[in-house]
Amino acid sequence: MDRDCQNQDPRQQLIWAAATSETLRVLEGKWKIAIIVQLFAAREPVRFSELERRVEGVNQKMLIQQLKELEKDGILTRTVYPQVPPKVEYALTDKGYALGPSIEALVNWAVEQGSLKNEVTKTA
């Protein structure tokens, strides 16, 4: 769905600004985008312990908090398997997967701005 970003209707611009602010609120948090990117890369449900390894630098408490917020906002699902030891997996929802083009656009913008180190962009 393409939007006419040149639309001069101030009411429409305010609606778009509010929608964009809400989207940024959902993604706000030091680790949320890193979590989403890791779930995209996995292309399958990821166990909590694996996600903890993949998101370098996050502590367990913060990871749990960010995952709960993403689940509440419908970006990912949490599946608990009734077994010992407990098995918990996280996966992107359709709403989460819909963020793909936006995340890709942000990465491309960061590369164009020189925000990424060369050795990172060469392997991507």
PDB file of N, CA and C in Angstrom:
ATOM      1  N   MET A   1       0.836  -1.187   0.000  1.00  0.00           N
ATOM      2  CA  MET A   1       0.000   0.000   0.000  1.00  0.00           C
ATOM      3  C   MET A   1       0.878   1.246   0.000  1.00  0.00           C
ATOM      4  N   ASP A   2       0.949   1.899  -1.123  1.00  0.00           N
ATOM      5  CA  ASP A   2       1.715   3.131  -1.194  1.00  0.00           C
ATOM      6  C   ASP A   2       0.884   4.286  -0.674  1.00  0.00           C
ATOM      7  N   ARG A   3       1.534   5.144   0.068  1.00  0.00           N
ATOM      8  CA  ARG A   3       0.884   6.341   0.598  1.00  0.00           C
ATOM      9  C   ARG A   3       1.427   7.543  -0.165  1.00  0.00           C
ATOM     10  N   ASP A   4       0.583   8.519  -0.400  1.00  0.00           N
ATOM     11  CA  ASP A   4       1.022   9.753  -1.037  1.00  0.00           C
ATOM     12  C   ASP A   4       1.619  10.645   0.051  1.00  0.00           C
ATOM     13  N   CYS A   5       2.923  10.512   0.237  1.00  0.00           N
ATOM     14  CA  CYS A   5       3.593  11.264   1.304  1.00  0.00           C
ATOM     15  C   CYS A   5       3.633  12.760   1.031  1.00  0.00           C
ATOM     16  N   GLN A   6       3.267  13.151  -0.167  1.00  0.00           N
ATOM     17  CA  GLN A   6       3.213  14.569  -0.502  1.00  0.00           C
ATOM     18  C   GLN A   6       1.822  15.158  -0.255  1.00  0.00           C
ATOM     19  N   ASN A   7       0.932  14.352   0.301  1.00  0.00           N
ATOM     20  CA  ASN A   7      -0.427  14.795   0.610  1.00  0.00           C
ATOM     21  C   ASN A   7      -0.364  16.050   1.471  1.00  0.00           C
ATOM     22  N   GLN A   8      -1.030  17.093   1.053  1.00  0.00           N
ATOM     23  CA  GLN A   8      -0.962  18.382   1.753  1.00  0.00           C
ATOM     24  C   GLN A   8      -2.059  18.563   2.808  1.00  0.00           C
ATOM     25  N   ASP A   9      -2.886  17.556   3.021  1.00  0.00           N
ATOM     26  CA  ASP A   9      -3.955  17.633   4.013  1.00  0.00           C
ATOM     27  C   ASP A   9      -3.351  17.511   5.414  1.00  0.00           C
ATOM     28  N   PRO A  10      -3.376  18.588   6.210  1.00  0.00           N
ATOM     29  CA  PRO A  10      -2.779  18.559   7.549  1.00  0.00           C
ATOM     30  C   PRO A  10      -3.373  17.474   8.446  1.00  0.00           C
ATOM     31  N   ARG A  11      -4.660  17.185   8.286  1.00  0.00           N
ATOM     32  CA  ARG A  11      -5.279  16.127   9.100  1.00  0.00           C
ATOM     33  C   ARG A  11      -4.679  14.772   8.770  1.00  0.00           C
ATOM     34  N   GLN A  12      -4.478  14.495   7.496  1.00  0.00           N
ATOM     35  CA  GLN A  12      -3.879  13.225   7.083  1.00  0.00           C
ATOM     36  C   GLN A  12      -2.444  13.133   7.582  1.00  0.00           C
ATOM     37  N   GLN A  13      -1.724  14.231   7.522  1.00  0.00           N
ATOM     38  CA  GLN A  13      -0.342  14.233   8.008  1.00  0.00           C
ATOM     39  C   GLN A  13      -0.288  13.939   9.505  1.00  0.00           C
ATOM     40  N   LEU A  14      -1.243  14.483  10.266  1.00  0.00           N
ATOM     41  CA  LEU A  14      -1.294  14.205  11.705  1.00  0.00           C
ATOM     42  C   LEU A  14      -1.621  12.739  11.982  1.00  0.00           C
ATOM     43  N   ILE A  15      -2.498  12.163  11.179  1.00  0.00           N
ATOM     44  CA  ILE A  15      -2.829  10.744  11.326  1.00  0.00           C
ATOM     45  C   ILE A  15      -1.589   9.891  11.066  1.00  0.00           C
ATOM     46  N   TRP A  16      -0.866  10.207   9.998  1.00  0.00           N
ATOM     47  CA  TRP A  16       0.349   9.460   9.692  1.00  0.00           C
ATOM     48  C   TRP A  16       1.407   9.638  10.770  1.00  0.00           C
ATOM     49  N   ALA A  17       1.537  10.839  11.290  1.00  0.00           N
ATOM     50  CA  ALA A  17       2.506  11.097  12.358  1.00  0.00           C
ATOM     51  C   ALA A  17       2.155  10.284  13.603  1.00  0.00           C
ATOM     52  N   ALA A  18       0.883  10.241  13.945  1.00  0.00           N
ATOM     53  CA  ALA A  18       0.449   9.470  15.115  1.00  0.00           C
ATOM     54  C   ALA A  18       0.698   7.975  14.904  1.00  0.00           C
ATOM     55  N   ALA A  19       0.398   7.485  13.706  1.00  0.00           N
ATOM     56  CA  ALA A  19       0.617   6.065  13.413  1.00  0.00           C
ATOM     57  C   ALA A  19       2.111   5.725  13.469  1.00  0.00           C
ATOM     58  N   THR A  20       2.939   6.607  12.948  1.00  0.00           N
ATOM     59  CA  THR A  20       4.383   6.391  12.980  1.00  0.00           C
ATOM     60  C   THR A  20       4.894   6.411  14.409  1.00  0.00           C
ATOM     61  N   SER A  21       4.395   7.338  15.219  1.00  0.00           N
ATOM     62  CA  SER A  21       4.798   7.403  16.632  1.00  0.00           C
ATOM     63  C   SER A  21       4.422   6.122  17.361  1.00  0.00           C
ATOM     64  N   GLU A  22       3.253   5.584  17.087  1.00  0.00           N
ATOM     65  CA  GLU A  22       2.817   4.334  17.723  1.00  0.00           C
ATOM     66  C   GLU A  22       3.712   3.176  17.302  1.00  0.00           C
ATOM     67  N   THR A  23       4.081   3.133  16.032  1.00  0.00           N
ATOM     68  CA  THR A  23       4.977   2.084  15.556  1.00  0.00           C
ATOM     69  C   THR A  23       6.329   2.180  16.249  1.00  0.00           C
ATOM     70  N   LEU A  24       6.847   3.381  16.363  1.00  0.00           N
ATOM     71  CA  LEU A  24       8.136   3.569  17.033  1.00  0.00           C
ATOM     72  C   LEU A  24       8.040   3.203  18.511  1.00  0.00           C
ATOM     73  N   ARG A  25       6.879   3.442  19.135  1.00  0.00           N
ATOM     74  CA  ARG A  25       6.690   3.057  20.537  1.00  0.00           C
ATOM     75  C   ARG A  25       6.786   1.542  20.678  1.00  0.00           C
ATOM     76  N   VAL A  26       6.192   0.822  19.733  1.00  0.00           N
ATOM     77  CA  VAL A  26       6.234  -0.639  19.779  1.00  0.00           C
ATOM     78  C   VAL A  26       7.674  -1.133  19.657  1.00  0.00           C
ATOM     79  N   LEU A  27       8.478  -0.478  18.843  1.00  0.00           N
ATOM     80  CA  LEU A  27       9.860  -0.895  18.607  1.00  0.00           C
ATOM     81  C   LEU A  27      10.856  -0.282  19.586  1.00  0.00           C
ATOM     82  N   GLU A  28      10.374   0.637  20.403  1.00  0.00           N
ATOM     83  CA  GLU A  28      11.236   1.335  21.346  1.00  0.00           C
ATOM     84  C   GLU A  28      11.782   0.368  22.389  1.00  0.00           C
ATOM     85  N   GLY A  29      13.041   0.477  22.658  1.00  0.00           N
ATOM     86  CA  GLY A  29      13.699  -0.386  23.620  1.00  0.00           C
ATOM     87  C   GLY A  29      15.018  -0.831  23.023  1.00  0.00           C
ATOM     88  N   LYS A  30      16.019  -0.867  23.839  1.00  0.00           N
ATOM     89  CA  LYS A  30      17.371  -1.144  23.361  1.00  0.00           C
ATOM     90  C   LYS A  30      17.488  -2.477  22.628  1.00  0.00           C
ATOM     91  N   TRP A  31      16.699  -3.473  23.014  1.00  0.00           N
ATOM     92  CA  TRP A  31      16.896  -4.823  22.501  1.00  0.00           C
ATOM     93  C   TRP A  31      15.821  -5.301  21.537  1.00  0.00           C
ATOM     94  N   LYS A  32      14.724  -4.577  21.382  1.00  0.00           N
ATOM     95  CA  LYS A  32      13.607  -5.087  20.586  1.00  0.00           C
ATOM     96  C   LYS A  32      13.971  -5.335  19.130  1.00  0.00           C
ATOM     97  N   ILE A  33      14.644  -4.411  18.506  1.00  0.00           N
ATOM     98  CA  ILE A  33      14.996  -4.606  17.097  1.00  0.00           C
ATOM     99  C   ILE A  33      15.997  -5.744  16.957  1.00  0.00           C
ATOM    100  N   ALA A  34      16.920  -5.859  17.894  1.00  0.00           N
ATOM    101  CA  ALA A  34      17.873  -6.979  17.858  1.00  0.00           C
ATOM    102  C   ALA A  34      17.140  -8.310  17.982  1.00  0.00           C
ATOM    103  N   ILE A  35      16.144  -8.370  18.830  1.00  0.00           N
ATOM    104  CA  ILE A  35      15.344  -9.589  18.991  1.00  0.00           C
ATOM    105  C   ILE A  35      14.611  -9.905  17.695  1.00  0.00           C
ATOM    106  N   ILE A  36      13.954  -8.909  17.132  1.00  0.00           N
ATOM    107  CA  ILE A  36      13.196  -9.103  15.889  1.00  0.00           C
ATOM    108  C   ILE A  36      14.113  -9.578  14.766  1.00  0.00           C
ATOM    109  N   VAL A  37      15.275  -8.953  14.626  1.00  0.00           N
ATOM    110  CA  VAL A  37      16.221  -9.331  13.571  1.00  0.00           C
ATOM    111  C   VAL A  37      16.677 -10.780  13.764  1.00  0.00           C
ATOM    112  N   GLN A  38      16.928 -11.180  14.998  1.00  0.00           N
ATOM    113  CA  GLN A  38      17.346 -12.559  15.251  1.00  0.00           C
ATOM    114  C   GLN A  38      16.240 -13.555  14.916  1.00  0.00           C
ATOM    115  N   LEU A  39      14.997 -13.186  15.207  1.00  0.00           N
ATOM    116  CA  LEU A  39      13.880 -14.077  14.867  1.00  0.00           C
ATOM    117  C   LEU A  39      13.685 -14.156  13.352  1.00  0.00           C
ATOM    118  N   PHE A  40      13.910 -13.038  12.642  1.00  0.00           N
ATOM    119  CA  PHE A  40      13.876 -13.070  11.173  1.00  0.00           C
ATOM    120  C   PHE A  40      14.948 -14.015  10.651  1.00  0.00           C
ATOM    121  N   ALA A  41      16.151 -13.874  11.183  1.00  0.00           N
ATOM    122  CA  ALA A  41      17.286 -14.664  10.705  1.00  0.00           C
ATOM    123  C   ALA A  41      17.080 -16.155  10.965  1.00  0.00           C
ATOM    124  N   ALA A  42      16.457 -16.489  12.073  1.00  0.00           N
ATOM    125  CA  ALA A  42      16.256 -17.893  12.425  1.00  0.00           C
ATOM    126  C   ALA A  42      15.257 -18.575  11.496  1.00  0.00           C
ATOM    127  N   ARG A  43      14.262 -17.855  11.051  1.00  0.00           N
ATOM    128  CA  ARG A  43      13.227 -18.377  10.153  1.00  0.00           C
ATOM    129  C   ARG A  43      12.444 -19.551  10.730  1.00  0.00           C
ATOM    130  N   GLU A  44      12.538 -19.704  12.034  1.00  0.00           N
ATOM    131  CA  GLU A  44      11.793 -20.737  12.750  1.00  0.00           C
ATOM    132  C   GLU A  44      11.738 -20.322  14.217  1.00  0.00           C
ATOM    133  N   PRO A  45      10.884 -20.955  15.008  1.00  0.00           N
ATOM    134  CA  PRO A  45      10.833 -20.596  16.428  1.00  0.00           C
ATOM    135  C   PRO A  45      12.196 -20.781  17.090  1.00  0.00           C
ATOM    136  N   VAL A  46      12.494 -19.904  18.036  1.00  0.00           N
ATOM    137  CA  VAL A  46      13.780 -19.915  18.725  1.00  0.00           C
ATOM    138  C   VAL A  46      13.542 -20.080  20.222  1.00  0.00           C
ATOM    139  N   ARG A  47      14.281 -20.987  20.824  1.00  0.00           N
ATOM    140  CA  ARG A  47      14.185 -21.195  22.271  1.00  0.00           C
ATOM    141  C   ARG A  47      14.766 -19.988  22.990  1.00  0.00           C
ATOM    142  N   PHE A  48      14.268 -19.769  24.213  1.00  0.00           N
ATOM    143  CA  PHE A  48      14.714 -18.622  24.997  1.00  0.00           C
ATOM    144  C   PHE A  48      16.233 -18.613  25.147  1.00  0.00           C
ATOM    145  N   SER A  49      16.812 -19.743  25.496  1.00  0.00           N
ATOM    146  CA  SER A  49      18.265 -19.800  25.726  1.00  0.00           C
ATOM    147  C   SER A  49      19.048 -19.459  24.460  1.00  0.00           C
ATOM    148  N   GLU A  50      18.545 -19.890  23.305  1.00  0.00           N
ATOM    149  CA  GLU A  50      19.204 -19.566  22.038  1.00  0.00           C
ATOM    150  C   GLU A  50      19.093 -18.075  21.741  1.00  0.00           C
ATOM    151  N   LEU A  51      17.931 -17.517  22.002  1.00  0.00           N
ATOM    152  CA  LEU A  51      17.733 -16.083  21.788  1.00  0.00           C
ATOM    153  C   LEU A  51      18.653 -15.281  22.706  1.00  0.00           C
ATOM    154  N   GLU A  52      18.810 -15.744  23.929  1.00  0.00           N
ATOM    155  CA  GLU A  52      19.706 -15.087  24.883  1.00  0.00           C
ATOM    156  C   GLU A  52      21.148 -15.103  24.366  1.00  0.00           C
ATOM    157  N   ARG A  53      21.565 -16.194  23.734  1.00  0.00           N
ATOM    158  CA  ARG A  53      22.916 -16.277  23.153  1.00  0.00           C
ATOM    159  C   ARG A  53      23.052 -15.360  21.934  1.00  0.00           C
ATOM    160  N   ARG A  54      21.990 -15.304  21.115  1.00  0.00           N
ATOM    161  CA  ARG A  54      22.040 -14.526  19.878  1.00  0.00           C
ATOM    162  C   ARG A  54      22.053 -13.016  20.126  1.00  0.00           C
ATOM    163  N   VAL A  55      21.392 -12.561  21.172  1.00  0.00           N
ATOM    164  CA  VAL A  55      21.312 -11.129  21.462  1.00  0.00           C
ATOM    165  C   VAL A  55      22.414 -10.811  22.476  1.00  0.00           C
ATOM    166  N   GLU A  56      23.599 -10.603  21.964  1.00  0.00           N
ATOM    167  CA  GLU A  56      24.768 -10.386  22.816  1.00  0.00           C
ATOM    168  C   GLU A  56      24.619  -9.142  23.672  1.00  0.00           C
ATOM    169  N   GLY A  57      24.929  -9.296  24.954  1.00  0.00           N
ATOM    170  CA  GLY A  57      24.940  -8.148  25.859  1.00  0.00           C
ATOM    171  C   GLY A  57      23.670  -7.948  26.658  1.00  0.00           C
ATOM    172  N   VAL A  58      22.597  -8.636  26.302  1.00  0.00           N
ATOM    173  CA  VAL A  58      21.333  -8.464  27.029  1.00  0.00           C
ATOM    174  C   VAL A  58      21.349  -9.372  28.255  1.00  0.00           C
ATOM    175  N   ASN A  59      20.830  -8.840  29.366  1.00  0.00           N
ATOM    176  CA  ASN A  59      20.706  -9.714  30.530  1.00  0.00           C
ATOM    177  C   ASN A  59      19.335 -10.385  30.494  1.00  0.00           C
ATOM    178  N   GLN A  60      19.198 -11.447  31.264  1.00  0.00           N
ATOM    179  CA  GLN A  60      17.988 -12.258  31.225  1.00  0.00           C
ATOM    180  C   GLN A  60      16.737 -11.457  31.583  1.00  0.00           C
ATOM    181  N   LYS A  61      16.833 -10.626  32.594  1.00  0.00           N
ATOM    182  CA  LYS A  61      15.679  -9.831  33.028  1.00  0.00           C
ATOM    183  C   LYS A  61      15.207  -8.896  31.909  1.00  0.00           C
ATOM    184  N   MET A  62      16.143  -8.225  31.263  1.00  0.00           N
ATOM    185  CA  MET A  62      15.790  -7.291  30.192  1.00  0.00           C
ATOM    186  C   MET A  62      15.230  -8.030  28.987  1.00  0.00           C
ATOM    187  N   LEU A  63      15.812  -9.182  28.654  1.00  0.00           N
ATOM    188  CA  LEU A  63      15.313  -9.967  27.530  1.00  0.00           C
ATOM    189  C   LEU A  63      13.873 -10.396  27.787  1.00  0.00           C
ATOM    190  N   ILE A  64      13.597 -10.875  28.984  1.00  0.00           N
ATOM    191  CA  ILE A  64      12.231 -11.288  29.333  1.00  0.00           C
ATOM    192  C   ILE A  64      11.277 -10.108  29.211  1.00  0.00           C
ATOM    193  N   GLN A  65      11.677  -8.946  29.711  1.00  0.00           N
ATOM    194  CA  GLN A  65      10.822  -7.747  29.659  1.00  0.00           C
ATOM    195  C   GLN A  65      10.521  -7.349  28.213  1.00  0.00           C
ATOM    196  N   GLN A  66      11.553  -7.312  27.378  1.00  0.00           N
ATOM    197  CA  GLN A  66      11.370  -6.908  25.992  1.00  0.00           C
ATOM    198  C   GLN A  66      10.514  -7.927  25.231  1.00  0.00           C
ATOM    199  N   LEU A  67      10.718  -9.221  25.503  1.00  0.00           N
ATOM    200  CA  LEU A  67       9.910 -10.255  24.873  1.00  0.00           C
ATOM    201  C   LEU A  67       8.441 -10.134  25.269  1.00  0.00           C
ATOM    202  N   LYS A  68       8.178  -9.856  26.539  1.00  0.00           N
ATOM    203  CA  LYS A  68       6.794  -9.683  27.002  1.00  0.00           C
ATOM    204  C   LYS A  68       6.119  -8.517  26.295  1.00  0.00           C
ATOM    205  N   GLU A  69       6.856  -7.417  26.129  1.00  0.00           N
ATOM    206  CA  GLU A  69       6.292  -6.251  25.461  1.00  0.00           C
ATOM    207  C   GLU A  69       6.010  -6.544  23.986  1.00  0.00           C
ATOM    208  N   LEU A  70       6.932  -7.232  23.327  1.00  0.00           N
ATOM    209  CA  LEU A  70       6.721  -7.583  21.920  1.00  0.00           C
ATOM    210  C   LEU A  70       5.554  -8.550  21.766  1.00  0.00           C
ATOM    211  N   GLU A  71       5.400  -9.449  22.718  1.00  0.00           N
ATOM    212  CA  GLU A  71       4.257 -10.371  22.695  1.00  0.00           C
ATOM    213  C   GLU A  71       2.948  -9.609  22.899  1.00  0.00           C
ATOM    214  N   LYS A  72       2.949  -8.693  23.865  1.00  0.00           N
ATOM    215  CA  LYS A  72       1.753  -7.891  24.146  1.00  0.00           C
ATOM    216  C   LYS A  72       1.337  -7.078  22.917  1.00  0.00           C
ATOM    217  N   ASP A  73       2.316  -6.601  22.167  1.00  0.00           N
ATOM    218  CA  ASP A  73       2.035  -5.789  20.982  1.00  0.00           C
ATOM    219  C   ASP A  73       1.776  -6.635  19.735  1.00  0.00           C
ATOM    220  N   GLY A  74       1.789  -7.959  19.881  1.00  0.00           N
ATOM    221  CA  GLY A  74       1.450  -8.837  18.771  1.00  0.00           C
ATOM    222  C   GLY A  74       2.553  -9.052  17.755  1.00  0.00           C
ATOM    223  N   ILE A  75       3.793  -8.744  18.119  1.00  0.00           N
ATOM    224  CA  ILE A  75       4.915  -8.885  17.192  1.00  0.00           C
ATOM    225  C   ILE A  75       5.445 -10.323  17.198  1.00  0.00           C
ATOM    226  N   LEU A  76       5.353 -10.985  18.333  1.00  0.00           N
ATOM    227  CA  LEU A  76       5.828 -12.359  18.428  1.00  0.00           C
ATOM    228  C   LEU A  76       4.899 -13.189  19.296  1.00  0.00           C
ATOM    229  N   THR A  77       5.063 -14.494  19.181  1.00  0.00           N
ATOM    230  CA  THR A  77       4.309 -15.418  20.023  1.00  0.00           C
ATOM    231  C   THR A  77       5.276 -16.161  20.924  1.00  0.00           C
ATOM    232  N   ARG A  78       4.762 -16.539  22.060  1.00  0.00           N
ATOM    233  CA  ARG A  78       5.520 -17.317  23.040  1.00  0.00           C
ATOM    234  C   ARG A  78       4.786 -18.635  23.220  1.00  0.00           C
ATOM    235  N   THR A  79       5.500 -19.738  22.992  1.00  0.00           N
ATOM    236  CA  THR A  79       4.913 -21.063  23.150  1.00  0.00           C
ATOM    237  C   THR A  79       5.655 -21.785  24.260  1.00  0.00           C
ATOM    238  N   VAL A  80       4.893 -22.221  25.269  1.00  0.00           N
ATOM    239  CA  VAL A  80       5.466 -22.959  26.399  1.00  0.00           C
ATOM    240  C   VAL A  80       5.073 -24.420  26.251  1.00  0.00           C
ATOM    241  N   TYR A  81       6.068 -25.286  26.287  1.00  0.00           N
ATOM    242  CA  TYR A  81       5.829 -26.720  26.188  1.00  0.00           C
ATOM    243  C   TYR A  81       5.867 -27.319  27.591  1.00  0.00           C
ATOM    244  N   PRO A  82       4.848 -28.121  27.948  1.00  0.00           N
ATOM    245  CA  PRO A  82       4.784 -28.699  29.293  1.00  0.00           C
ATOM    246  C   PRO A  82       5.742 -29.882  29.439  1.00  0.00           C
ATOM    247  N   GLN A  83       6.963 -29.570  29.733  1.00  0.00           N
ATOM    248  CA  GLN A  83       7.978 -30.605  29.908  1.00  0.00           C
ATOM    249  C   GLN A  83       8.999 -30.134  30.920  1.00  0.00           C
ATOM    250  N   VAL A  84       9.838 -31.051  31.350  1.00  0.00           N
ATOM    251  CA  VAL A  84      10.910 -30.733  32.287  1.00  0.00           C
ATOM    252  C   VAL A  84      12.211 -31.120  31.604  1.00  0.00           C
ATOM    253  N   PRO A  85      13.172 -30.201  31.493  1.00  0.00           N
ATOM    254  CA  PRO A  85      13.095 -28.789  31.880  1.00  0.00           C
ATOM    255  C   PRO A  85      12.135 -28.035  30.950  1.00  0.00           C
ATOM    256  N   PRO A  86      11.659 -26.881  31.406  1.00  0.00           N
ATOM    257  CA  PRO A  86      10.704 -26.118  30.609  1.00  0.00           C
ATOM    258  C   PRO A  86      11.296 -25.734  29.244  1.00  0.00           C
ATOM    259  N   LYS A  87      10.458 -25.776  28.247  1.00  0.00           N
ATOM    260  CA  LYS A  87      10.868 -25.373  26.895  1.00  0.00           C
ATOM    261  C   LYS A  87       9.953 -24.239  26.462  1.00  0.00           C
ATOM    262  N   VAL A  88      10.558 -23.093  26.137  1.00  0.00           N
ATOM    263  CA  VAL A  88       9.808 -21.919  25.683  1.00  0.00           C
ATOM    264  C   VAL A  88      10.409 -21.481  24.358  1.00  0.00           C
ATOM    265  N   GLU A  89       9.541 -21.280  23.372  1.00  0.00           N
ATOM    266  CA  GLU A  89       9.992 -20.823  22.059  1.00  0.00           C
ATOM    267  C   GLU A  89       9.285 -19.529  21.677  1.00  0.00           C
ATOM    268  N   TYR A  90      10.001 -18.719  20.914  1.00  0.00           N
ATOM    269  CA  TYR A  90       9.472 -17.450  20.424  1.00  0.00           C
ATOM    270  C   TYR A  90       9.526 -17.456  18.909  1.00  0.00           C
ATOM    271  N   ALA A  91       8.489 -16.889  18.291  1.00  0.00           N
ATOM    272  CA  ALA A  91       8.439 -16.791  16.835  1.00  0.00           C
ATOM    273  C   ALA A  91       7.708 -15.510  16.460  1.00  0.00           C
ATOM    274  N   LEU A  92       8.051 -14.971  15.311  1.00  0.00           N
ATOM    275  CA  LEU A  92       7.361 -13.783  14.814  1.00  0.00           C
ATOM    276  C   LEU A  92       5.948 -14.141  14.374  1.00  0.00           C
ATOM    277  N   THR A  93       5.037 -13.234  14.597  1.00  0.00           N
ATOM    278  CA  THR A  93       3.678 -13.358  14.086  1.00  0.00           C
ATOM    279  C   THR A  93       3.656 -12.772  12.675  1.00  0.00           C
ATOM    280  N   ASP A  94       2.513 -12.850  12.011  1.00  0.00           N
ATOM    281  CA  ASP A  94       2.380 -12.200  10.704  1.00  0.00           C
ATOM    282  C   ASP A  94       2.652 -10.705  10.837  1.00  0.00           C
ATOM    283  N   LYS A  95       2.174 -10.123  11.932  1.00  0.00           N
ATOM    284  CA  LYS A  95       2.415  -8.699  12.191  1.00  0.00           C
ATOM    285  C   LYS A  95       3.914  -8.435  12.336  1.00  0.00           C
ATOM    286  N   GLY A  96       4.627  -9.343  12.980  1.00  0.00           N
ATOM    287  CA  GLY A  96       6.077  -9.205  13.128  1.00  0.00           C
ATOM    288  C   GLY A  96       6.792  -9.334  11.795  1.00  0.00           C
ATOM    289  N   TYR A  97       6.377 -10.338  11.004  1.00  0.00           N
ATOM    290  CA  TYR A  97       6.985 -10.511   9.685  1.00  0.00           C
ATOM    291  C   TYR A  97       6.724  -9.315   8.777  1.00  0.00           C
ATOM    292  N   ALA A  98       5.607  -8.646   8.987  1.00  0.00           N
ATOM    293  CA  ALA A  98       5.274  -7.473   8.170  1.00  0.00           C
ATOM    294  C   ALA A  98       6.264  -6.332   8.389  1.00  0.00           C
ATOM    295  N   LEU A  99       7.040  -6.392   9.465  1.00  0.00           N
ATOM    296  CA  LEU A  99       8.063  -5.370   9.722  1.00  0.00           C
ATOM    297  C   LEU A  99       9.294  -5.549   8.822  1.00  0.00           C
ATOM    298  N   GLY A 100       9.396  -6.689   8.148  1.00  0.00           N
ATOM    299  CA  GLY A 100      10.582  -6.993   7.343  1.00  0.00           C
ATOM    300  C   GLY A 100      11.020  -5.892   6.398  1.00  0.00           C
ATOM    301  N   PRO A 101      10.137  -5.401   5.518  1.00  0.00           N
ATOM    302  CA  PRO A 101      10.560  -4.350   4.596  1.00  0.00           C
ATOM    303  C   PRO A 101      11.011  -3.070   5.315  1.00  0.00           C
ATOM    304  N   SER A 102      10.376  -2.753   6.417  1.00  0.00           N
ATOM    305  CA  SER A 102      10.765  -1.551   7.162  1.00  0.00           C
ATOM    306  C   SER A 102      12.137  -1.719   7.803  1.00  0.00           C
ATOM    307  N   ILE A 103      12.385  -2.888   8.368  1.00  0.00           N
ATOM    308  CA  ILE A 103      13.697  -3.156   8.976  1.00  0.00           C
ATOM    309  C   ILE A 103      14.772  -3.131   7.892  1.00  0.00           C
ATOM    310  N   GLU A 104      14.479  -3.752   6.749  1.00  0.00           N
ATOM    311  CA  GLU A 104      15.435  -3.748   5.641  1.00  0.00           C
ATOM    312  C   GLU A 104      15.724  -2.318   5.181  1.00  0.00           C
ATOM    313  N   ALA A 105      14.682  -1.494   5.106  1.00  0.00           N
ATOM    314  CA  ALA A 105      14.872  -0.096   4.705  1.00  0.00           C
ATOM    315  C   ALA A 105      15.734   0.646   5.719  1.00  0.00           C
ATOM    316  N   LEU A 106      15.544   0.373   6.997  1.00  0.00           N
ATOM    317  CA  LEU A 106      16.360   1.024   8.034  1.00  0.00           C
ATOM    318  C   LEU A 106      17.823   0.589   7.940  1.00  0.00           C
ATOM    319  N   VAL A 107      18.051  -0.705   7.681  1.00  0.00           N
ATOM    320  CA  VAL A 107      19.422  -1.193   7.518  1.00  0.00           C
ATOM    321  C   VAL A 107      20.066  -0.523   6.313  1.00  0.00           C
ATOM    322  N   ASN A 108      19.342  -0.462   5.194  1.00  0.00           N
ATOM    323  CA  ASN A 108      19.885   0.184   3.999  1.00  0.00           C
ATOM    324  C   ASN A 108      20.202   1.648   4.255  1.00  0.00           C
ATOM    325  N   TRP A 109      19.323   2.329   4.964  1.00  0.00           N
ATOM    326  CA  TRP A 109      19.561   3.732   5.298  1.00  0.00           C
ATOM    327  C   TRP A 109      20.818   3.856   6.158  1.00  0.00           C
ATOM    328  N   ALA A 110      20.972   2.967   7.142  1.00  0.00           N
ATOM    329  CA  ALA A 110      22.153   3.008   8.020  1.00  0.00           C
ATOM    330  C   ALA A 110      23.431   2.789   7.217  1.00  0.00           C
ATOM    331  N   VAL A 111      23.399   1.872   6.262  1.00  0.00           N
ATOM    332  CA  VAL A 111      24.569   1.618   5.413  1.00  0.00           C
ATOM    333  C   VAL A 111      24.890   2.866   4.601  1.00  0.00           C
ATOM    334  N   GLU A 112      23.875   3.464   4.003  1.00  0.00           N
ATOM    335  CA  GLU A 112      24.085   4.668   3.187  1.00  0.00           C
ATOM    336  C   GLU A 112      24.633   5.830   4.007  1.00  0.00           C
ATOM    337  N   GLN A 113      24.264   5.901   5.265  1.00  0.00           N
ATOM    338  CA  GLN A 113      24.735   6.979   6.126  1.00  0.00           C
ATOM    339  C   GLN A 113      26.111   6.690   6.726  1.00  0.00           C
ATOM    340  N   GLY A 114      26.618   5.498   6.477  1.00  0.00           N
ATOM    341  CA  GLY A 114      27.917   5.124   7.037  1.00  0.00           C
ATOM    342  C   GLY A 114      27.816   4.731   8.497  1.00  0.00           C
ATOM    343  N   SER A 115      26.617   4.381   8.942  1.00  0.00           N
ATOM    344  CA  SER A 115      26.409   4.037  10.347  1.00  0.00           C
ATOM    345  C   SER A 115      26.895   2.642  10.701  1.00  0.00           C
ATOM    346  N   LEU A 116      27.122   1.802   9.703  1.00  0.00           N
ATOM    347  CA  LEU A 116      27.599   0.443   9.955  1.00  0.00           C
ATOM    348  C   LEU A 116      29.064   0.349   9.588  1.00  0.00           C
ATOM    349  N   LYS A 117      29.790  -0.416  10.344  1.00  0.00           N
ATOM    350  CA  LYS A 117      31.205  -0.643  10.053  1.00  0.00           C
ATOM    351  C   LYS A 117      31.329  -1.509   8.804  1.00  0.00           C
ATOM    352  N   ASN A 118      32.370  -1.274   8.036  1.00  0.00           N
ATOM    353  CA  ASN A 118      32.573  -1.994   6.774  1.00  0.00           C
ATOM    354  C   ASN A 118      32.576  -3.503   6.940  1.00  0.00           C
ATOM    355  N   GLU A 119      33.233  -4.009   7.996  1.00  0.00           N
ATOM    356  CA  GLU A 119      33.314  -5.465   8.140  1.00  0.00           C
ATOM    357  C   GLU A 119      31.945  -6.085   8.397  1.00  0.00           C
ATOM    358  N   VAL A 120      31.015  -5.333   8.972  1.00  0.00           N
ATOM    359  CA  VAL A 120      29.670  -5.854   9.194  1.00  0.00           C
ATOM    360  C   VAL A 120      28.912  -5.900   7.874  1.00  0.00           C
ATOM    361  N   THR A 121      29.005  -4.857   7.074  1.00  0.00           N
ATOM    362  CA  THR A 121      28.229  -4.796   5.836  1.00  0.00           C
ATOM    363  C   THR A 121      28.767  -5.766   4.783  1.00  0.00           C
ATOM    364  N   LYS A 122      30.051  -6.111   4.843  1.00  0.00           N
ATOM    365  CA  LYS A 122      30.618  -7.061   3.870  1.00  0.00           C
ATOM    366  C   LYS A 122      30.038  -8.443   4.061  1.00  0.00           C
ATOM    367  N   THR A 123      29.745  -8.828   5.288  1.00  0.00           N
ATOM    368  CA  THR A 123      29.237 -10.174   5.544  1.00  0.00           C
ATOM    369  C   THR A 123      27.737 -10.250   5.389  1.00  0.00           C
ATOM    370  N   ALA A 124      27.073  -9.118   5.341  1.00  0.00           N
ATOM    371  CA  ALA A 124      25.605  -9.124   5.250  1.00  0.00           C
ATOM    372  C   ALA A 124      25.122  -9.463   3.875  1.00  0.00           C
TER     373      ALA A 124
END
